[in-house]
Amino acid sequence: MKKISMYKSESNLKIPHAKIAIITSQFNGDISNNLKKACVKTLIKYGVLEENITEVDVPGALEIPLAAKYVIQKHKVHAVIALGCIIKGDTYHFELVADNSARGCQDISLQYSIPVINEILPCYSLKDAKDRSGNNKYNRGISAAITALEMTDLISNLT
């Protein structure tokens, strides 16, 4: 029996040839950009070359799946990282945006067989958003970068 595992030690997770796209919603831009900074820093820490990182900014979370589709088609990336922040207001709009952006990312991932790592944060408050995007180890941009590399490695071992 052959076992393929995606869990690697940090020293074995270096994939310098990996081509990663980061698509960032500019709605709640301070939060989203903090996620992006941590994500890029983590990718570089793990050996991804800066020229292999494509950054795309879009107006909001609902625009991320369409941008992901075009980035996958035109740039031949190994993984896409979706970053953004949706903060609950007084209406149902929060749920619509969170659900449909997540569904769109999943659909694109399955359509193209490319991981789309969804770190579009649905938060109940600005405090929650700041806690998950701060300058610390809990920044979800860090985990998005690591997940993208793990999935890139896993898929390369499966194909």
N, C-alpha and C. Protein backbone atom coordinates (compact mmCIF):
# COMPACT_ATOMS: atom_id res chain seq x y z
N MET A 1 0.85 -1.17 0.00
CA MET A 1 0.00 0.00 0.00
C MET A 1 0.89 1.23 0.00
N LYS A 2 0.56 2.17 -0.84
CA LYS A 2 1.31 3.43 -0.92
C LYS A 2 0.51 4.50 -0.20
N LYS A 3 1.17 5.19 0.70
CA LYS A 3 0.51 6.27 1.43
C LYS A 3 1.12 7.59 1.00
N ILE A 4 0.26 8.51 0.63
CA ILE A 4 0.71 9.85 0.25
C ILE A 4 0.17 10.81 1.30
N SER A 5 1.06 11.53 1.93
CA SER A 5 0.65 12.45 2.99
C SER A 5 0.99 13.87 2.59
N MET A 6 0.10 14.80 2.95
CA MET A 6 0.38 16.19 2.65
C MET A 6 1.06 16.89 3.82
N TYR A 7 1.20 16.22 4.93
CA TYR A 7 1.76 16.88 6.10
C TYR A 7 3.26 16.72 6.11
N LYS A 8 3.94 17.83 6.00
CA LYS A 8 5.39 17.85 5.94
C LYS A 8 5.91 18.76 7.04
N SER A 9 7.15 18.53 7.41
CA SER A 9 7.78 19.46 8.33
C SER A 9 8.06 20.76 7.59
N GLU A 10 8.27 21.80 8.33
CA GLU A 10 8.52 23.10 7.70
C GLU A 10 9.71 23.05 6.76
N SER A 11 10.73 22.31 7.12
CA SER A 11 11.93 22.27 6.27
C SER A 11 11.67 21.54 4.96
N ASN A 12 10.67 20.67 4.90
CA ASN A 12 10.35 19.94 3.68
C ASN A 12 9.26 20.58 2.85
N LEU A 13 8.77 21.71 3.28
CA LEU A 13 7.65 22.35 2.58
C LEU A 13 8.13 23.40 1.57
N LYS A 14 9.39 23.46 1.33
CA LYS A 14 9.92 24.45 0.39
C LYS A 14 9.67 23.99 -1.04
N ILE A 15 8.91 24.80 -1.78
CA ILE A 15 8.58 24.49 -3.17
C ILE A 15 8.83 25.76 -3.99
N PRO A 16 10.10 26.05 -4.30
CA PRO A 16 10.43 27.32 -4.96
C PRO A 16 9.78 27.49 -6.34
N HIS A 17 9.49 26.40 -7.02
CA HIS A 17 8.88 26.49 -8.35
C HIS A 17 7.38 26.75 -8.29
N ALA A 18 6.78 26.68 -7.10
CA ALA A 18 5.33 26.86 -6.98
C ALA A 18 4.91 28.23 -7.49
N LYS A 19 3.85 28.23 -8.28
CA LYS A 19 3.26 29.49 -8.77
C LYS A 19 1.94 29.66 -8.05
N ILE A 20 1.86 30.73 -7.27
CA ILE A 20 0.72 30.97 -6.40
C ILE A 20 0.11 32.32 -6.74
N ALA A 21 -1.21 32.36 -6.85
CA ALA A 21 -1.93 33.62 -7.03
C ALA A 21 -2.65 33.96 -5.73
N ILE A 22 -2.59 35.22 -5.38
CA ILE A 22 -3.31 35.73 -4.21
C ILE A 22 -4.32 36.75 -4.73
N ILE A 23 -5.60 36.46 -4.51
CA ILE A 23 -6.65 37.38 -4.93
C ILE A 23 -7.26 37.97 -3.67
N THR A 24 -7.23 39.29 -3.58
CA THR A 24 -7.60 39.98 -2.35
C THR A 24 -8.74 40.96 -2.59
N SER A 25 -9.78 40.81 -1.79
CA SER A 25 -10.89 41.76 -1.80
C SER A 25 -10.45 43.05 -1.14
N GLN A 26 -10.78 44.18 -1.75
CA GLN A 26 -10.41 45.47 -1.17
C GLN A 26 -11.50 46.06 -0.28
N PHE A 27 -12.63 45.36 -0.18
CA PHE A 27 -13.65 45.77 0.79
C PHE A 27 -13.11 45.37 2.16
N ASN A 28 -13.21 46.25 3.14
CA ASN A 28 -12.52 46.06 4.43
C ASN A 28 -11.02 45.88 4.18
N GLY A 29 -10.48 46.79 3.38
CA GLY A 29 -9.12 46.68 2.86
C GLY A 29 -8.02 46.60 3.90
N ASP A 30 -8.16 47.25 5.04
CA ASP A 30 -7.11 47.16 6.05
C ASP A 30 -6.93 45.72 6.51
N ILE A 31 -8.04 45.05 6.75
CA ILE A 31 -8.00 43.65 7.19
C ILE A 31 -7.45 42.78 6.06
N SER A 32 -8.01 42.92 4.87
CA SER A 32 -7.60 42.11 3.72
C SER A 32 -6.12 42.29 3.40
N ASN A 33 -5.64 43.50 3.44
CA ASN A 33 -4.24 43.76 3.12
C ASN A 33 -3.30 43.22 4.18
N ASN A 34 -3.73 43.19 5.46
CA ASN A 34 -2.93 42.54 6.51
C ASN A 34 -2.83 41.04 6.25
N LEU A 35 -3.92 40.44 5.79
CA LEU A 35 -3.89 39.02 5.43
C LEU A 35 -2.90 38.79 4.28
N LYS A 36 -2.96 39.66 3.26
CA LYS A 36 -2.10 39.52 2.10
C LYS A 36 -0.62 39.66 2.48
N LYS A 37 -0.30 40.64 3.30
CA LYS A 37 1.10 40.84 3.71
C LYS A 37 1.64 39.60 4.41
N ALA A 38 0.86 39.05 5.33
CA ALA A 38 1.30 37.84 6.05
C ALA A 38 1.41 36.66 5.11
N CYS A 39 0.50 36.57 4.16
CA CYS A 39 0.51 35.47 3.19
C CYS A 39 1.76 35.52 2.32
N VAL A 40 2.05 36.67 1.76
CA VAL A 40 3.23 36.82 0.90
C VAL A 40 4.50 36.54 1.70
N LYS A 41 4.57 37.08 2.88
CA LYS A 41 5.76 36.88 3.73
C LYS A 41 5.96 35.38 4.02
N THR A 42 4.88 34.67 4.26
CA THR A 42 4.97 33.24 4.54
C THR A 42 5.38 32.45 3.31
N LEU A 43 4.82 32.78 2.15
CA LEU A 43 5.20 32.09 0.92
C LEU A 43 6.70 32.26 0.66
N ILE A 44 7.19 33.47 0.83
CA ILE A 44 8.62 33.73 0.61
C ILE A 44 9.46 32.99 1.65
N LYS A 45 8.99 32.97 2.89
CA LYS A 45 9.69 32.23 3.96
C LYS A 45 9.87 30.77 3.56
N TYR A 46 8.86 30.21 2.91
CA TYR A 46 8.92 28.81 2.50
C TYR A 46 9.52 28.62 1.11
N GLY A 47 10.19 29.64 0.61
CA GLY A 47 10.99 29.48 -0.59
C GLY A 47 10.33 29.81 -1.91
N VAL A 48 9.08 30.24 -1.91
CA VAL A 48 8.44 30.61 -3.17
C VAL A 48 9.11 31.89 -3.68
N LEU A 49 9.48 31.88 -4.92
CA LEU A 49 10.13 33.05 -5.51
C LEU A 49 9.11 34.16 -5.72
N GLU A 50 9.52 35.40 -5.44
CA GLU A 50 8.60 36.53 -5.59
C GLU A 50 8.00 36.61 -6.98
N GLU A 51 8.80 36.29 -8.01
CA GLU A 51 8.27 36.37 -9.38
C GLU A 51 7.23 35.28 -9.67
N ASN A 52 7.10 34.31 -8.76
CA ASN A 52 6.08 33.26 -8.91
C ASN A 52 4.81 33.54 -8.12
N ILE A 53 4.73 34.72 -7.55
CA ILE A 53 3.54 35.13 -6.81
C ILE A 53 2.81 36.19 -7.62
N THR A 54 1.57 35.90 -7.97
CA THR A 54 0.73 36.85 -8.70
C THR A 54 -0.29 37.44 -7.73
N GLU A 55 -0.34 38.75 -7.63
CA GLU A 55 -1.30 39.42 -6.74
C GLU A 55 -2.36 40.11 -7.58
N VAL A 56 -3.61 39.87 -7.23
CA VAL A 56 -4.74 40.50 -7.91
C VAL A 56 -5.65 41.07 -6.85
N ASP A 57 -5.99 42.34 -6.98
CA ASP A 57 -6.95 42.98 -6.08
C ASP A 57 -8.28 43.12 -6.79
N VAL A 58 -9.36 42.80 -6.10
CA VAL A 58 -10.71 42.92 -6.64
C VAL A 58 -11.55 43.76 -5.67
N PRO A 59 -12.69 44.31 -6.15
CA PRO A 59 -13.48 45.18 -5.28
C PRO A 59 -14.02 44.50 -4.02
N GLY A 60 -14.57 43.29 -4.17
CA GLY A 60 -15.19 42.62 -3.03
C GLY A 60 -15.06 41.11 -3.13
N ALA A 61 -15.56 40.43 -2.11
CA ALA A 61 -15.44 38.98 -2.03
C ALA A 61 -16.16 38.26 -3.16
N LEU A 62 -17.27 38.79 -3.62
CA LEU A 62 -18.02 38.14 -4.69
C LEU A 62 -17.28 38.16 -6.03
N GLU A 63 -16.32 39.04 -6.18
CA GLU A 63 -15.55 39.11 -7.41
C GLU A 63 -14.36 38.15 -7.43
N ILE A 64 -14.04 37.57 -6.30
CA ILE A 64 -12.87 36.69 -6.21
C ILE A 64 -12.99 35.45 -7.11
N PRO A 65 -14.11 34.72 -7.10
CA PRO A 65 -14.16 33.51 -7.95
C PRO A 65 -13.93 33.79 -9.45
N LEU A 66 -14.51 34.84 -9.97
CA LEU A 66 -14.30 35.15 -11.39
C LEU A 66 -12.85 35.50 -11.66
N ALA A 67 -12.25 36.28 -10.78
CA ALA A 67 -10.82 36.60 -10.94
C ALA A 67 -9.99 35.32 -10.86
N ALA A 68 -10.35 34.42 -9.96
CA ALA A 68 -9.62 33.15 -9.83
C ALA A 68 -9.69 32.35 -11.12
N LYS A 69 -10.85 32.34 -11.74
CA LYS A 69 -11.02 31.61 -12.99
C LYS A 69 -10.06 32.13 -14.06
N TYR A 70 -9.98 33.45 -14.22
CA TYR A 70 -9.11 34.02 -15.23
C TYR A 70 -7.63 33.86 -14.89
N VAL A 71 -7.30 33.97 -13.62
CA VAL A 71 -5.90 33.78 -13.22
C VAL A 71 -5.47 32.34 -13.51
N ILE A 72 -6.32 31.39 -13.20
CA ILE A 72 -6.00 29.98 -13.48
C ILE A 72 -5.83 29.77 -14.98
N GLN A 73 -6.71 30.33 -15.77
CA GLN A 73 -6.65 30.15 -17.23
C GLN A 73 -5.41 30.80 -17.84
N LYS A 74 -5.07 31.99 -17.40
CA LYS A 74 -4.02 32.78 -18.06
C LYS A 74 -2.63 32.62 -17.44
N HIS A 75 -2.55 32.31 -16.17
CA HIS A 75 -1.26 32.31 -15.49
C HIS A 75 -0.76 30.93 -15.07
N LYS A 76 -1.56 29.90 -15.28
CA LYS A 76 -1.13 28.52 -15.01
C LYS A 76 -0.53 28.36 -13.61
N VAL A 77 -1.26 28.77 -12.60
CA VAL A 77 -0.79 28.70 -11.22
C VAL A 77 -1.05 27.31 -10.63
N HIS A 78 -0.31 26.99 -9.58
CA HIS A 78 -0.50 25.72 -8.86
C HIS A 78 -1.60 25.84 -7.81
N ALA A 79 -1.81 27.05 -7.30
CA ALA A 79 -2.85 27.28 -6.28
C ALA A 79 -3.25 28.74 -6.29
N VAL A 80 -4.46 28.98 -5.84
CA VAL A 80 -4.99 30.34 -5.68
C VAL A 80 -5.35 30.51 -4.20
N ILE A 81 -5.03 31.67 -3.67
CA ILE A 81 -5.41 32.01 -2.30
C ILE A 81 -6.38 33.17 -2.35
N ALA A 82 -7.58 32.96 -1.80
CA ALA A 82 -8.62 33.98 -1.76
C ALA A 82 -8.62 34.63 -0.38
N LEU A 83 -8.40 35.94 -0.36
CA LEU A 83 -8.34 36.67 0.91
C LEU A 83 -9.36 37.80 0.93
N GLY A 84 -9.99 37.99 2.05
CA GLY A 84 -10.95 39.07 2.20
C GLY A 84 -11.56 39.03 3.58
N CYS A 85 -12.47 39.96 3.80
CA CYS A 85 -13.13 40.05 5.10
C CYS A 85 -14.55 40.58 4.91
N ILE A 86 -15.50 39.84 5.46
CA ILE A 86 -16.91 40.23 5.44
C ILE A 86 -17.32 40.38 6.89
N ILE A 87 -17.75 41.56 7.26
CA ILE A 87 -18.15 41.81 8.65
C ILE A 87 -19.67 41.93 8.71
N LYS A 88 -20.26 41.19 9.62
CA LYS A 88 -21.72 41.14 9.74
C LYS A 88 -22.29 42.51 10.05
N GLY A 89 -23.30 42.86 9.28
CA GLY A 89 -24.04 44.09 9.54
C GLY A 89 -25.43 43.72 10.04
N ASP A 90 -26.40 44.56 9.74
CA ASP A 90 -27.76 44.35 10.24
C ASP A 90 -28.65 43.61 9.26
N THR A 91 -28.12 43.22 8.11
CA THR A 91 -28.96 42.59 7.10
C THR A 91 -28.43 41.21 6.73
N TYR A 92 -29.18 40.53 5.91
CA TYR A 92 -28.86 39.20 5.42
C TYR A 92 -27.70 39.21 4.41
N HIS A 93 -27.30 40.37 3.96
CA HIS A 93 -26.24 40.49 2.95
C HIS A 93 -24.96 39.77 3.36
N PHE A 94 -24.61 39.82 4.62
CA PHE A 94 -23.42 39.16 5.16
C PHE A 94 -23.40 37.68 4.78
N GLU A 95 -24.52 37.01 5.03
CA GLU A 95 -24.62 35.58 4.73
C GLU A 95 -24.54 35.32 3.22
N LEU A 96 -25.20 36.13 2.43
CA LEU A 96 -25.17 35.95 0.98
C LEU A 96 -23.75 36.06 0.43
N VAL A 97 -23.05 37.07 0.86
CA VAL A 97 -21.68 37.29 0.36
C VAL A 97 -20.76 36.16 0.83
N ALA A 98 -20.84 35.81 2.11
CA ALA A 98 -19.97 34.75 2.64
C ALA A 98 -20.26 33.41 1.96
N ASP A 99 -21.51 33.05 1.86
CA ASP A 99 -21.87 31.75 1.26
C ASP A 99 -21.53 31.69 -0.22
N ASN A 100 -21.86 32.73 -0.95
CA ASN A 100 -21.66 32.68 -2.40
C ASN A 100 -20.20 32.84 -2.80
N SER A 101 -19.42 33.60 -2.07
CA SER A 101 -17.99 33.69 -2.40
C SER A 101 -17.32 32.34 -2.11
N ALA A 102 -17.70 31.71 -1.01
CA ALA A 102 -17.13 30.39 -0.68
C ALA A 102 -17.53 29.36 -1.73
N ARG A 103 -18.79 29.37 -2.11
CA ARG A 103 -19.27 28.43 -3.12
C ARG A 103 -18.57 28.66 -4.46
N GLY A 104 -18.39 29.92 -4.83
CA GLY A 104 -17.71 30.23 -6.08
C GLY A 104 -16.27 29.75 -6.07
N CYS A 105 -15.58 29.94 -4.96
CA CYS A 105 -14.19 29.46 -4.86
C CYS A 105 -14.14 27.94 -4.98
N GLN A 106 -15.06 27.26 -4.32
CA GLN A 106 -15.10 25.79 -4.39
C GLN A 106 -15.39 25.32 -5.81
N ASP A 107 -16.34 25.97 -6.46
CA ASP A 107 -16.69 25.59 -7.83
C ASP A 107 -15.50 25.74 -8.78
N ILE A 108 -14.78 26.84 -8.68
CA ILE A 108 -13.62 27.08 -9.54
C ILE A 108 -12.53 26.04 -9.25
N SER A 109 -12.32 25.75 -7.98
CA SER A 109 -11.32 24.75 -7.60
C SER A 109 -11.63 23.40 -8.24
N LEU A 110 -12.86 22.97 -8.15
CA LEU A 110 -13.25 21.68 -8.70
C LEU A 110 -13.26 21.69 -10.23
N GLN A 111 -13.69 22.80 -10.82
CA GLN A 111 -13.74 22.90 -12.29
C GLN A 111 -12.35 22.77 -12.90
N TYR A 112 -11.35 23.39 -12.28
CA TYR A 112 -10.01 23.44 -12.85
C TYR A 112 -9.00 22.50 -12.17
N SER A 113 -9.43 21.81 -11.14
CA SER A 113 -8.55 20.91 -10.38
C SER A 113 -7.32 21.66 -9.84
N ILE A 114 -7.57 22.87 -9.39
CA ILE A 114 -6.54 23.72 -8.78
C ILE A 114 -7.06 24.12 -7.39
N PRO A 115 -6.24 23.96 -6.35
CA PRO A 115 -6.72 24.38 -5.03
C PRO A 115 -6.99 25.88 -4.99
N VAL A 116 -8.15 26.24 -4.49
CA VAL A 116 -8.48 27.63 -4.20
C VAL A 116 -8.68 27.69 -2.68
N ILE A 117 -7.71 28.24 -2.02
CA ILE A 117 -7.70 28.29 -0.56
C ILE A 117 -8.53 29.49 -0.12
N ASN A 118 -9.63 29.21 0.55
CA ASN A 118 -10.58 30.26 0.91
C ASN A 118 -10.30 30.78 2.31
N GLU A 119 -9.71 31.95 2.37
CA GLU A 119 -9.55 32.67 3.64
C GLU A 119 -10.25 34.02 3.55
N ILE A 120 -11.46 33.98 3.02
CA ILE A 120 -12.34 35.14 3.07
C ILE A 120 -13.03 35.05 4.42
N LEU A 121 -12.64 35.91 5.34
CA LEU A 121 -13.08 35.79 6.72
C LEU A 121 -14.50 36.32 6.91
N PRO A 122 -15.45 35.47 7.30
CA PRO A 122 -16.76 35.98 7.70
C PRO A 122 -16.72 36.25 9.21
N CYS A 123 -16.75 37.50 9.59
CA CYS A 123 -16.57 37.88 11.00
C CYS A 123 -17.82 38.57 11.55
N TYR A 124 -18.09 38.32 12.80
CA TYR A 124 -19.23 38.94 13.45
C TYR A 124 -18.94 40.36 13.94
N SER A 125 -17.65 40.71 14.02
CA SER A 125 -17.31 42.06 14.48
C SER A 125 -15.94 42.46 13.92
N LEU A 126 -15.68 43.75 13.97
CA LEU A 126 -14.38 44.25 13.56
C LEU A 126 -13.28 43.68 14.46
N LYS A 127 -13.58 43.50 15.74
CA LYS A 127 -12.61 42.91 16.66
C LYS A 127 -12.23 41.50 16.21
N ASP A 128 -13.22 40.69 15.84
CA ASP A 128 -12.93 39.34 15.34
C ASP A 128 -12.01 39.41 14.12
N ALA A 129 -12.32 40.32 13.22
CA ALA A 129 -11.52 40.47 11.99
C ALA A 129 -10.08 40.86 12.33
N LYS A 130 -9.92 41.79 13.23
CA LYS A 130 -8.57 42.23 13.63
C LYS A 130 -7.81 41.11 14.32
N ASP A 131 -8.51 40.31 15.13
CA ASP A 131 -7.87 39.19 15.81
C ASP A 131 -7.33 38.16 14.82
N ARG A 132 -8.01 37.98 13.70
CA ARG A 132 -7.65 36.96 12.72
C ARG A 132 -6.73 37.49 11.61
N SER A 133 -6.41 38.79 11.68
CA SER A 133 -5.54 39.38 10.66
C SER A 133 -4.41 40.20 11.26
N GLY A 134 -4.20 40.05 12.55
CA GLY A 134 -3.19 40.85 13.22
C GLY A 134 -1.77 40.41 12.93
N ASN A 135 -0.85 41.12 13.49
CA ASN A 135 0.57 40.85 13.29
C ASN A 135 1.02 39.79 14.31
N ASN A 136 0.45 38.58 14.17
CA ASN A 136 0.77 37.49 15.08
C ASN A 136 0.56 36.15 14.37
N LYS A 137 0.81 35.07 15.08
CA LYS A 137 0.73 33.74 14.47
C LYS A 137 -0.69 33.31 14.13
N TYR A 138 -1.69 34.05 14.58
CA TYR A 138 -3.09 33.71 14.29
C TYR A 138 -3.61 34.34 13.01
N ASN A 139 -2.76 35.08 12.32
CA ASN A 139 -3.16 35.71 11.06
C ASN A 139 -3.48 34.61 10.05
N ARG A 140 -4.69 34.63 9.51
CA ARG A 140 -5.16 33.58 8.61
C ARG A 140 -4.45 33.62 7.24
N GLY A 141 -3.75 34.69 6.94
CA GLY A 141 -2.94 34.73 5.73
C GLY A 141 -1.78 33.74 5.80
N ILE A 142 -1.27 33.53 7.00
CA ILE A 142 -0.18 32.57 7.21
C ILE A 142 -0.68 31.16 6.91
N SER A 143 -1.80 30.80 7.51
CA SER A 143 -2.31 29.44 7.29
C SER A 143 -2.74 29.23 5.85
N ALA A 144 -3.22 30.28 5.18
CA ALA A 144 -3.60 30.17 3.77
C ALA A 144 -2.38 29.83 2.92
N ALA A 145 -1.26 30.49 3.19
CA ALA A 145 -0.03 30.23 2.43
C ALA A 145 0.46 28.80 2.64
N ILE A 146 0.46 28.36 3.89
CA ILE A 146 0.91 27.00 4.20
C ILE A 146 -0.01 25.97 3.55
N THR A 147 -1.30 26.20 3.62
CA THR A 147 -2.26 25.26 3.01
C THR A 147 -2.05 25.20 1.49
N ALA A 148 -1.83 26.34 0.87
CA ALA A 148 -1.59 26.36 -0.58
C ALA A 148 -0.36 25.53 -0.94
N LEU A 149 0.70 25.65 -0.16
CA LEU A 149 1.91 24.88 -0.43
C LEU A 149 1.69 23.39 -0.16
N GLU A 150 0.99 23.07 0.92
CA GLU A 150 0.69 21.67 1.21
C GLU A 150 -0.14 21.04 0.09
N MET A 151 -1.13 21.75 -0.39
CA MET A 151 -1.96 21.22 -1.47
C MET A 151 -1.20 21.13 -2.79
N THR A 152 -0.34 22.08 -3.06
CA THR A 152 0.50 22.01 -4.25
C THR A 152 1.38 20.77 -4.20
N ASP A 153 1.97 20.53 -3.06
CA ASP A 153 2.82 19.36 -2.89
C ASP A 153 2.01 18.07 -3.00
N LEU A 154 0.87 18.03 -2.37
CA LEU A 154 0.02 16.83 -2.41
C LEU A 154 -0.40 16.51 -3.84
N ILE A 155 -0.87 17.50 -4.56
CA ILE A 155 -1.34 17.28 -5.93
C ILE A 155 -0.18 16.84 -6.83
N SER A 156 1.01 17.41 -6.61
CA SER A 156 2.14 16.98 -7.43
C SER A 156 2.49 15.52 -7.15
N ASN A 157 2.23 15.04 -5.95
CA ASN A 157 2.48 13.64 -5.62
C ASN A 157 1.37 12.72 -6.11
N LEU A 158 0.21 13.25 -6.38
CA LEU A 158 -0.92 12.44 -6.84
C LEU A 158 -0.98 12.34 -8.36
N THR A 159 -0.34 13.28 -9.04
CA THR A 159 -0.43 13.27 -10.52
C THR A 159 0.81 12.68 -11.15
